Amino acid sequence: MDFNIDQLKKKIIYRSNYRGTKEMDKLLGAFTKKYIDELSTKDLLDLEKLLNIDDDNLYSFYNKLKTDFEFESNNINSLFRNFKYNEK
C-alpha cells in the first residue's frame, strides 16, 4: 500500500471538520485535533474508516446509545467513545 501520511492526515482533518452537522463537526474536529499527531498509520486508517460512518450512528456510538452499525473494537473507536469534548 503506497500512500502519503501527510495527505492522509490532511484528508482526515478536512473530513472531521466538514461533516454536515455542526455538532459532529465540532466533536470530530476536536477529537482529530487532539490525537492526529500521536496516531500510528493503522490508527490513521481506522480513523479514516470511522469518518466514513454517518453522523447519526457516530453520535449514538459516542453517547453509548444503540446504533445501526457494528463498530469494530480498535484503538480509535475506544479513544473516540471515551473522548471528553469541552466546548470552549
PDB file of N, CA and C in Angstrom:
ATOM      1  N   MET A   1       0.853  -1.185   0.000  1.00  0.00           N
ATOM      2  CA  MET A   1       0.000   0.000   0.000  1.00  0.00           C
ATOM      3  C   MET A   1       0.890   1.236   0.000  1.00  0.00           C
ATOM      4  N   ASP A   2       0.805   2.025  -1.033  1.00  0.00           N
ATOM      5  CA  ASP A   2       1.659   3.184  -1.191  1.00  0.00           C
ATOM      6  C   ASP A   2       0.806   4.440  -1.034  1.00  0.00           C
ATOM      7  N   PHE A   3       1.045   5.179   0.040  1.00  0.00           N
ATOM      8  CA  PHE A   3       0.310   6.414   0.236  1.00  0.00           C
ATOM      9  C   PHE A   3       1.136   7.372   1.077  1.00  0.00           C
ATOM     10  N   ASN A   4       0.745   8.596   1.079  1.00  0.00           N
ATOM     11  CA  ASN A   4       1.434   9.657   1.784  1.00  0.00           C
ATOM     12  C   ASN A   4       0.708   9.939   3.106  1.00  0.00           C
ATOM     13  N   ILE A   5       1.416   9.794   4.213  1.00  0.00           N
ATOM     14  CA  ILE A   5       0.819  10.005   5.542  1.00  0.00           C
ATOM     15  C   ILE A   5       0.311  11.440   5.695  1.00  0.00           C
ATOM     16  N   ASP A   6       1.079  12.415   5.207  1.00  0.00           N
ATOM     17  CA  ASP A   6       0.649  13.811   5.327  1.00  0.00           C
ATOM     18  C   ASP A   6      -0.638  14.069   4.555  1.00  0.00           C
ATOM     19  N   GLN A   7      -0.770  13.468   3.378  1.00  0.00           N
ATOM     20  CA  GLN A   7      -2.013  13.598   2.604  1.00  0.00           C
ATOM     21  C   GLN A   7      -3.180  12.966   3.349  1.00  0.00           C
ATOM     22  N   LEU A   8      -2.939  11.795   3.946  1.00  0.00           N
ATOM     23  CA  LEU A   8      -3.982  11.118   4.710  1.00  0.00           C
ATOM     24  C   LEU A   8      -4.412  11.979   5.892  1.00  0.00           C
ATOM     25  N   LYS A   9      -3.455  12.579   6.596  1.00  0.00           N
ATOM     26  CA  LYS A   9      -3.782  13.449   7.738  1.00  0.00           C
ATOM     27  C   LYS A   9      -4.614  14.650   7.284  1.00  0.00           C
ATOM     28  N   LYS A  10      -4.233  15.259   6.166  1.00  0.00           N
ATOM     29  CA  LYS A  10      -4.993  16.405   5.645  1.00  0.00           C
ATOM     30  C   LYS A  10      -6.421  16.003   5.305  1.00  0.00           C
ATOM     31  N   LYS A  11      -6.569  14.847   4.683  1.00  0.00           N
ATOM     32  CA  LYS A  11      -7.898  14.340   4.331  1.00  0.00           C
ATOM     33  C   LYS A  11      -8.733  14.109   5.589  1.00  0.00           C
ATOM     34  N   ILE A  12      -8.132  13.507   6.608  1.00  0.00           N
ATOM     35  CA  ILE A  12      -8.824  13.235   7.868  1.00  0.00           C
ATOM     36  C   ILE A  12      -9.232  14.532   8.556  1.00  0.00           C
ATOM     37  N   ILE A  13      -8.321  15.494   8.606  1.00  0.00           N
ATOM     38  CA  ILE A  13      -8.623  16.780   9.252  1.00  0.00           C
ATOM     39  C   ILE A  13      -9.784  17.460   8.537  1.00  0.00           C
ATOM     40  N   TYR A  14      -9.747  17.484   7.217  1.00  0.00           N
ATOM     41  CA  TYR A  14     -10.832  18.102   6.458  1.00  0.00           C
ATOM     42  C   TYR A  14     -12.158  17.383   6.719  1.00  0.00           C
ATOM     43  N   ARG A  15     -12.123  16.063   6.593  1.00  0.00           N
ATOM     44  CA  ARG A  15     -13.352  15.263   6.747  1.00  0.00           C
ATOM     45  C   ARG A  15     -13.934  15.378   8.154  1.00  0.00           C
ATOM     46  N   SER A  16     -13.080  15.504   9.158  1.00  0.00           N
ATOM     47  CA  SER A  16     -13.576  15.585  10.533  1.00  0.00           C
ATOM     48  C   SER A  16     -14.214  16.941  10.836  1.00  0.00           C
ATOM     49  N   ASN A  17     -13.837  17.972  10.097  1.00  0.00           N
ATOM     50  CA  ASN A  17     -14.361  19.317  10.340  1.00  0.00           C
ATOM     51  C   ASN A  17     -15.528  19.704   9.443  1.00  0.00           C
ATOM     52  N   TYR A  18     -15.767  18.934   8.394  1.00  0.00           N
ATOM     53  CA  TYR A  18     -16.844  19.248   7.444  1.00  0.00           C
ATOM     54  C   TYR A  18     -17.715  18.021   7.229  1.00  0.00           C
ATOM     55  N   ARG A  19     -18.527  17.713   8.238  1.00  0.00           N
ATOM     56  CA  ARG A  19     -19.345  16.508   8.257  1.00  0.00           C
ATOM     57  C   ARG A  19     -20.731  16.727   7.671  1.00  0.00           C
ATOM     58  N   GLY A  20     -21.290  17.877   7.951  1.00  0.00           N
ATOM     59  CA  GLY A  20     -22.664  18.134   7.534  1.00  0.00           C
ATOM     60  C   GLY A  20     -23.508  18.595   8.701  1.00  0.00           C
ATOM     61  N   THR A  21     -23.169  18.155   9.911  1.00  0.00           N
ATOM     62  CA  THR A  21     -23.869  18.660  11.093  1.00  0.00           C
ATOM     63  C   THR A  21     -22.858  19.383  11.974  1.00  0.00           C
ATOM     64  N   LYS A  22     -23.256  20.534  12.451  1.00  0.00           N
ATOM     65  CA  LYS A  22     -22.361  21.383  13.237  1.00  0.00           C
ATOM     66  C   LYS A  22     -21.838  20.661  14.486  1.00  0.00           C
ATOM     67  N   GLU A  23     -22.706  19.901  15.140  1.00  0.00           N
ATOM     68  CA  GLU A  23     -22.318  19.195  16.366  1.00  0.00           C
ATOM     69  C   GLU A  23     -21.195  18.188  16.091  1.00  0.00           C
ATOM     70  N   MET A  24     -21.333  17.417  15.009  1.00  0.00           N
ATOM     71  CA  MET A  24     -20.314  16.422  14.683  1.00  0.00           C
ATOM     72  C   MET A  24     -19.054  17.087  14.141  1.00  0.00           C
ATOM     73  N   ASP A  25     -19.198  18.222  13.454  1.00  0.00           N
ATOM     74  CA  ASP A  25     -18.016  18.971  13.023  1.00  0.00           C
ATOM     75  C   ASP A  25     -17.171  19.340  14.233  1.00  0.00           C
ATOM     76  N   LYS A  26     -17.826  19.859  15.257  1.00  0.00           N
ATOM     77  CA  LYS A  26     -17.100  20.289  16.460  1.00  0.00           C
ATOM     78  C   LYS A  26     -16.507  19.100  17.213  1.00  0.00           C
ATOM     79  N   LEU A  27     -17.303  18.073  17.416  1.00  0.00           N
ATOM     80  CA  LEU A  27     -16.854  16.905  18.165  1.00  0.00           C
ATOM     81  C   LEU A  27     -15.693  16.197  17.460  1.00  0.00           C
ATOM     82  N   LEU A  28     -15.888  15.838  16.198  1.00  0.00           N
ATOM     83  CA  LEU A  28     -14.840  15.121  15.465  1.00  0.00           C
ATOM     84  C   LEU A  28     -13.643  16.005  15.171  1.00  0.00           C
ATOM     85  N   GLY A  29     -13.879  17.290  14.951  1.00  0.00           N
ATOM     86  CA  GLY A  29     -12.764  18.215  14.749  1.00  0.00           C
ATOM     87  C   GLY A  29     -11.880  18.296  15.978  1.00  0.00           C
ATOM     88  N   ALA A  30     -12.489  18.408  17.149  1.00  0.00           N
ATOM     89  CA  ALA A  30     -11.729  18.471  18.400  1.00  0.00           C
ATOM     90  C   ALA A  30     -11.007  17.153  18.664  1.00  0.00           C
ATOM     91  N   PHE A  31     -11.684  16.049  18.419  1.00  0.00           N
ATOM     92  CA  PHE A  31     -11.077  14.728  18.612  1.00  0.00           C
ATOM     93  C   PHE A  31      -9.855  14.567  17.705  1.00  0.00           C
ATOM     94  N   THR A  32     -10.015  14.892  16.443  1.00  0.00           N
ATOM     95  CA  THR A  32      -8.916  14.750  15.479  1.00  0.00           C
ATOM     96  C   THR A  32      -7.753  15.676  15.840  1.00  0.00           C
ATOM     97  N   LYS A  33      -8.067  16.898  16.182  1.00  0.00           N
ATOM     98  CA  LYS A  33      -7.016  17.861  16.553  1.00  0.00           C
ATOM     99  C   LYS A  33      -6.192  17.351  17.732  1.00  0.00           C
ATOM    100  N   LYS A  34      -6.860  16.750  18.703  1.00  0.00           N
ATOM    101  CA  LYS A  34      -6.160  16.263  19.889  1.00  0.00           C
ATOM    102  C   LYS A  34      -5.225  15.092  19.568  1.00  0.00           C
ATOM    103  N   TYR A  35      -5.656  14.173  18.716  1.00  0.00           N
ATOM    104  CA  TYR A  35      -4.917  12.918  18.534  1.00  0.00           C
ATOM    105  C   TYR A  35      -4.132  12.765  17.232  1.00  0.00           C
ATOM    106  N   ILE A  36      -4.386  13.587  16.223  1.00  0.00           N
ATOM    107  CA  ILE A  36      -3.853  13.326  14.875  1.00  0.00           C
ATOM    108  C   ILE A  36      -2.338  13.100  14.835  1.00  0.00           C
ATOM    109  N   ASP A  37      -1.580  13.831  15.611  1.00  0.00           N
ATOM    110  CA  ASP A  37      -0.119  13.712  15.547  1.00  0.00           C
ATOM    111  C   ASP A  37       0.433  12.581  16.410  1.00  0.00           C
ATOM    112  N   GLU A  38      -0.429  11.922  17.169  1.00  0.00           N
ATOM    113  CA  GLU A  38       0.006  10.821  18.028  1.00  0.00           C
ATOM    114  C   GLU A  38      -0.336   9.453  17.443  1.00  0.00           C
ATOM    115  N   LEU A  39      -1.064   9.421  16.352  1.00  0.00           N
ATOM    116  CA  LEU A  39      -1.605   8.165  15.839  1.00  0.00           C
ATOM    117  C   LEU A  39      -0.632   7.431  14.925  1.00  0.00           C
ATOM    118  N   SER A  40      -0.671   6.124  15.027  1.00  0.00           N
ATOM    119  CA  SER A  40       0.102   5.268  14.126  1.00  0.00           C
ATOM    120  C   SER A  40      -0.599   5.232  12.768  1.00  0.00           C
ATOM    121  N   THR A  41       0.064   4.661  11.780  1.00  0.00           N
ATOM    122  CA  THR A  41      -0.540   4.521  10.460  1.00  0.00           C
ATOM    123  C   THR A  41      -1.824   3.704  10.536  1.00  0.00           C
ATOM    124  N   LYS A  42      -1.817   2.610  11.290  1.00  0.00           N
ATOM    125  CA  LYS A  42      -3.032   1.786  11.452  1.00  0.00           C
ATOM    126  C   LYS A  42      -4.156   2.611  12.073  1.00  0.00           C
ATOM    127  N   ASP A  43      -3.818   3.385  13.107  1.00  0.00           N
ATOM    128  CA  ASP A  43      -4.834   4.219  13.749  1.00  0.00           C
ATOM    129  C   ASP A  43      -5.392   5.264  12.780  1.00  0.00           C
ATOM    130  N   LEU A  44      -4.524   5.855  11.960  1.00  0.00           N
ATOM    131  CA  LEU A  44      -4.997   6.833  10.972  1.00  0.00           C
ATOM    132  C   LEU A  44      -5.965   6.187   9.992  1.00  0.00           C
ATOM    133  N   LEU A  45      -5.647   4.981   9.556  1.00  0.00           N
ATOM    134  CA  LEU A  45      -6.542   4.271   8.642  1.00  0.00           C
ATOM    135  C   LEU A  45      -7.861   3.915   9.329  1.00  0.00           C
ATOM    136  N   ASP A  46      -7.801   3.550  10.608  1.00  0.00           N
ATOM    137  CA  ASP A  46      -9.035   3.272  11.359  1.00  0.00           C
ATOM    138  C   ASP A  46      -9.848   4.553  11.556  1.00  0.00           C
ATOM    139  N   LEU A  47      -9.166   5.675  11.764  1.00  0.00           N
ATOM    140  CA  LEU A  47      -9.868   6.951  11.897  1.00  0.00           C
ATOM    141  C   LEU A  47     -10.542   7.325  10.580  1.00  0.00           C
ATOM    142  N   GLU A  48      -9.867   7.072   9.479  1.00  0.00           N
ATOM    143  CA  GLU A  48     -10.476   7.330   8.177  1.00  0.00           C
ATOM    144  C   GLU A  48     -11.755   6.498   8.005  1.00  0.00           C
ATOM    145  N   LYS A  49     -11.718   5.240   8.445  1.00  0.00           N
ATOM    146  CA  LYS A  49     -12.920   4.382   8.382  1.00  0.00           C
ATOM    147  C   LYS A  49     -14.026   4.945   9.265  1.00  0.00           C
ATOM    148  N   LEU A  50     -13.658   5.384  10.475  1.00  0.00           N
ATOM    149  CA  LEU A  50     -14.633   5.947  11.405  1.00  0.00           C
ATOM    150  C   LEU A  50     -15.330   7.157  10.775  1.00  0.00           C
ATOM    151  N   LEU A  51     -14.558   7.979  10.079  1.00  0.00           N
ATOM    152  CA  LEU A  51     -15.116   9.186   9.471  1.00  0.00           C
ATOM    153  C   LEU A  51     -16.049   8.891   8.299  1.00  0.00           C
ATOM    154  N   ASN A  52     -16.035   7.676   7.800  1.00  0.00           N
ATOM    155  CA  ASN A  52     -16.944   7.286   6.717  1.00  0.00           C
ATOM    156  C   ASN A  52     -18.304   6.815   7.229  1.00  0.00           C
ATOM    157  N   ILE A  53     -18.456   6.742   8.538  1.00  0.00           N
ATOM    158  CA  ILE A  53     -19.725   6.331   9.148  1.00  0.00           C
ATOM    159  C   ILE A  53     -20.622   7.562   9.279  1.00  0.00           C
ATOM    160  N   ASP A  54     -21.896   7.386   9.061  1.00  0.00           N
ATOM    161  CA  ASP A  54     -22.822   8.520   9.104  1.00  0.00           C
ATOM    162  C   ASP A  54     -22.904   9.145  10.502  1.00  0.00           C
ATOM    163  N   ASP A  55     -23.280  10.418  10.535  1.00  0.00           N
ATOM    164  CA  ASP A  55     -23.307  11.189  11.776  1.00  0.00           C
ATOM    165  C   ASP A  55     -24.244  10.613  12.833  1.00  0.00           C
ATOM    166  N   ASP A  56     -25.400  10.111  12.419  1.00  0.00           N
ATOM    167  CA  ASP A  56     -26.355   9.567  13.392  1.00  0.00           C
ATOM    168  C   ASP A  56     -25.751   8.395  14.165  1.00  0.00           C
ATOM    169  N   ASN A  57     -25.131   7.475  13.446  1.00  0.00           N
ATOM    170  CA  ASN A  57     -24.515   6.330  14.121  1.00  0.00           C
ATOM    171  C   ASN A  57     -23.304   6.741  14.952  1.00  0.00           C
ATOM    172  N   LEU A  58     -22.507   7.685  14.460  1.00  0.00           N
ATOM    173  CA  LEU A  58     -21.357   8.158  15.237  1.00  0.00           C
ATOM    174  C   LEU A  58     -21.818   8.838  16.525  1.00  0.00           C
ATOM    175  N   TYR A  59     -22.849   9.667  16.424  1.00  0.00           N
ATOM    176  CA  TYR A  59     -23.377  10.348  17.597  1.00  0.00           C
ATOM    177  C   TYR A  59     -23.903   9.341  18.620  1.00  0.00           C
ATOM    178  N   SER A  60     -24.632   8.356  18.148  1.00  0.00           N
ATOM    179  CA  SER A  60     -25.159   7.324  19.044  1.00  0.00           C
ATOM    180  C   SER A  60     -24.032   6.516  19.683  1.00  0.00           C
ATOM    181  N   PHE A  61     -23.047   6.149  18.893  1.00  0.00           N
ATOM    182  CA  PHE A  61     -21.898   5.402  19.411  1.00  0.00           C
ATOM    183  C   PHE A  61     -21.171   6.208  20.479  1.00  0.00           C
ATOM    184  N   TYR A  62     -20.911   7.477  20.201  1.00  0.00           N
ATOM    185  CA  TYR A  62     -20.219   8.358  21.151  1.00  0.00           C
ATOM    186  C   TYR A  62     -20.993   8.461  22.466  1.00  0.00           C
ATOM    187  N   ASN A  63     -22.309   8.525  22.367  1.00  0.00           N
ATOM    188  CA  ASN A  63     -23.150   8.665  23.558  1.00  0.00           C
ATOM    189  C   ASN A  63     -23.603   7.329  24.143  1.00  0.00           C
ATOM    190  N   LYS A  64     -22.990   6.250  23.667  1.00  0.00           N
ATOM    191  CA  LYS A  64     -23.243   4.897  24.173  1.00  0.00           C
ATOM    192  C   LYS A  64     -24.706   4.488  24.023  1.00  0.00           C
ATOM    193  N   LEU A  65     -25.282   4.872  22.876  1.00  0.00           N
ATOM    194  CA  LEU A  65     -26.648   4.500  22.541  1.00  0.00           C
ATOM    195  C   LEU A  65     -26.622   3.407  21.485  1.00  0.00           C
ATOM    196  N   LYS A  66     -27.779   2.830  21.197  1.00  0.00           N
ATOM    197  CA  LYS A  66     -27.880   1.780  20.178  1.00  0.00           C
ATOM    198  C   LYS A  66     -27.600   2.379  18.798  1.00  0.00           C
ATOM    199  N   THR A  67     -26.862   1.624  17.991  1.00  0.00           N
ATOM    200  CA  THR A  67     -26.543   2.071  16.634  1.00  0.00           C
ATOM    201  C   THR A  67     -27.032   1.054  15.608  1.00  0.00           C
ATOM    202  N   ASP A  68     -27.112   1.505  14.366  1.00  0.00           N
ATOM    203  CA  ASP A  68     -27.465   0.625  13.250  1.00  0.00           C
ATOM    204  C   ASP A  68     -26.217   0.035  12.610  1.00  0.00           C
ATOM    205  N   PHE A  69     -25.078   0.315  13.197  1.00  0.00           N
ATOM    206  CA  PHE A  69     -23.785  -0.055  12.619  1.00  0.00           C
ATOM    207  C   PHE A  69     -22.979  -0.830  13.653  1.00  0.00           C
ATOM    208  N   GLU A  70     -22.278  -1.852  13.213  1.00  0.00           N
ATOM    209  CA  GLU A  70     -21.424  -2.638  14.103  1.00  0.00           C
ATOM    210  C   GLU A  70     -20.025  -2.017  14.104  1.00  0.00           C
ATOM    211  N   PHE A  71     -19.658  -1.412  15.217  1.00  0.00           N
ATOM    212  CA  PHE A  71     -18.355  -0.765  15.332  1.00  0.00           C
ATOM    213  C   PHE A  71     -17.291  -1.782  15.707  1.00  0.00           C
ATOM    214  N   GLU A  72     -16.151  -1.712  15.017  1.00  0.00           N
ATOM    215  CA  GLU A  72     -15.027  -2.594  15.314  1.00  0.00           C
ATOM    216  C   GLU A  72     -14.452  -2.254  16.683  1.00  0.00           C
ATOM    217  N   SER A  73     -13.786  -3.222  17.264  1.00  0.00           N
ATOM    218  CA  SER A  73     -13.066  -2.987  18.509  1.00  0.00           C
ATOM    219  C   SER A  73     -11.631  -2.631  18.127  1.00  0.00           C
ATOM    220  N   ASN A  74     -11.312  -1.334  18.197  1.00  0.00           N
ATOM    221  CA  ASN A  74      -9.957  -0.894  17.903  1.00  0.00           C
ATOM    222  C   ASN A  74      -9.623   0.347  18.730  1.00  0.00           C
ATOM    223  N   ASN A  75      -8.378   0.767  18.671  1.00  0.00           N
ATOM    224  CA  ASN A  75      -7.900   1.889  19.468  1.00  0.00           C
ATOM    225  C   ASN A  75      -8.663   3.178  19.172  1.00  0.00           C
ATOM    226  N   ILE A  76      -8.901   3.475  17.917  1.00  0.00           N
ATOM    227  CA  ILE A  76      -9.580   4.718  17.533  1.00  0.00           C
ATOM    228  C   ILE A  76     -11.003   4.757  18.070  1.00  0.00           C
ATOM    229  N   ASN A  77     -11.741   3.683  17.898  1.00  0.00           N
ATOM    230  CA  ASN A  77     -13.124   3.657  18.379  1.00  0.00           C
ATOM    231  C   ASN A  77     -13.172   3.803  19.895  1.00  0.00           C
ATOM    232  N   SER A  78     -12.230   3.195  20.576  1.00  0.00           N
ATOM    233  CA  SER A  78     -12.146   3.323  22.034  1.00  0.00           C
ATOM    234  C   SER A  78     -11.805   4.759  22.436  1.00  0.00           C
ATOM    235  N   LEU A  79     -10.814   5.348  21.772  1.00  0.00           N
ATOM    236  CA  LEU A  79     -10.451   6.743  22.062  1.00  0.00           C
ATOM    237  C   LEU A  79     -11.628   7.676  21.812  1.00  0.00           C
ATOM    238  N   PHE A  80     -12.319   7.477  20.693  1.00  0.00           N
ATOM    239  CA  PHE A  80     -13.448   8.340  20.351  1.00  0.00           C
ATOM    240  C   PHE A  80     -14.584   8.201  21.357  1.00  0.00           C
ATOM    241  N   ARG A  81     -14.907   6.996  21.698  1.00  0.00           N
ATOM    242  CA  ARG A  81     -16.036   6.768  22.611  1.00  0.00           C
ATOM    243  C   ARG A  81     -15.761   7.342  23.997  1.00  0.00           C
ATOM    244  N   ASN A  82     -14.486   7.392  24.392  1.00  0.00           N
ATOM    245  CA  ASN A  82     -14.118   7.892  25.719  1.00  0.00           C
ATOM    246  C   ASN A  82     -13.620   9.334  25.695  1.00  0.00           C
ATOM    247  N   PHE A  83     -13.649   9.965  24.539  1.00  0.00           N
ATOM    248  CA  PHE A  83     -13.199  11.343  24.390  1.00  0.00           C
ATOM    249  C   PHE A  83     -14.141  12.280  25.130  1.00  0.00           C
ATOM    250  N   LYS A  84     -13.561  13.193  25.889  1.00  0.00           N
ATOM    251  CA  LYS A  84     -14.354  14.173  26.624  1.00  0.00           C
ATOM    252  C   LYS A  84     -14.274  15.508  25.879  1.00  0.00           C
ATOM    253  N   TYR A  85     -15.373  15.872  25.245  1.00  0.00           N
ATOM    254  CA  TYR A  85     -15.412  17.109  24.470  1.00  0.00           C
ATOM    255  C   TYR A  85     -15.747  18.266  25.382  1.00  0.00           C
ATOM    256  N   ASN A  86     -14.904  19.284  25.359  1.00  0.00           N
ATOM    257  CA  ASN A  86     -15.151  20.511  26.125  1.00  0.00           C
ATOM    258  C   ASN A  86     -15.199  21.664  25.158  1.00  0.00           C
ATOM    259  N   GLU A  87     -16.399  22.179  24.931  1.00  0.00           N
ATOM    260  CA  GLU A  87     -16.542  23.324  24.030  1.00  0.00           C
ATOM    261  C   GLU A  87     -16.022  24.565  24.723  1.00  0.00           C
ATOM    262  N   LYS A  88     -15.124  25.252  24.039  1.00  0.00           N
ATOM    263  CA  LYS A  88     -14.543  26.472  24.630  1.00  0.00           C
ATOM    264  C   LYS A  88     -14.858  27.660  23.789  1.00  0.00           C
TER     265      LYS A  88
END
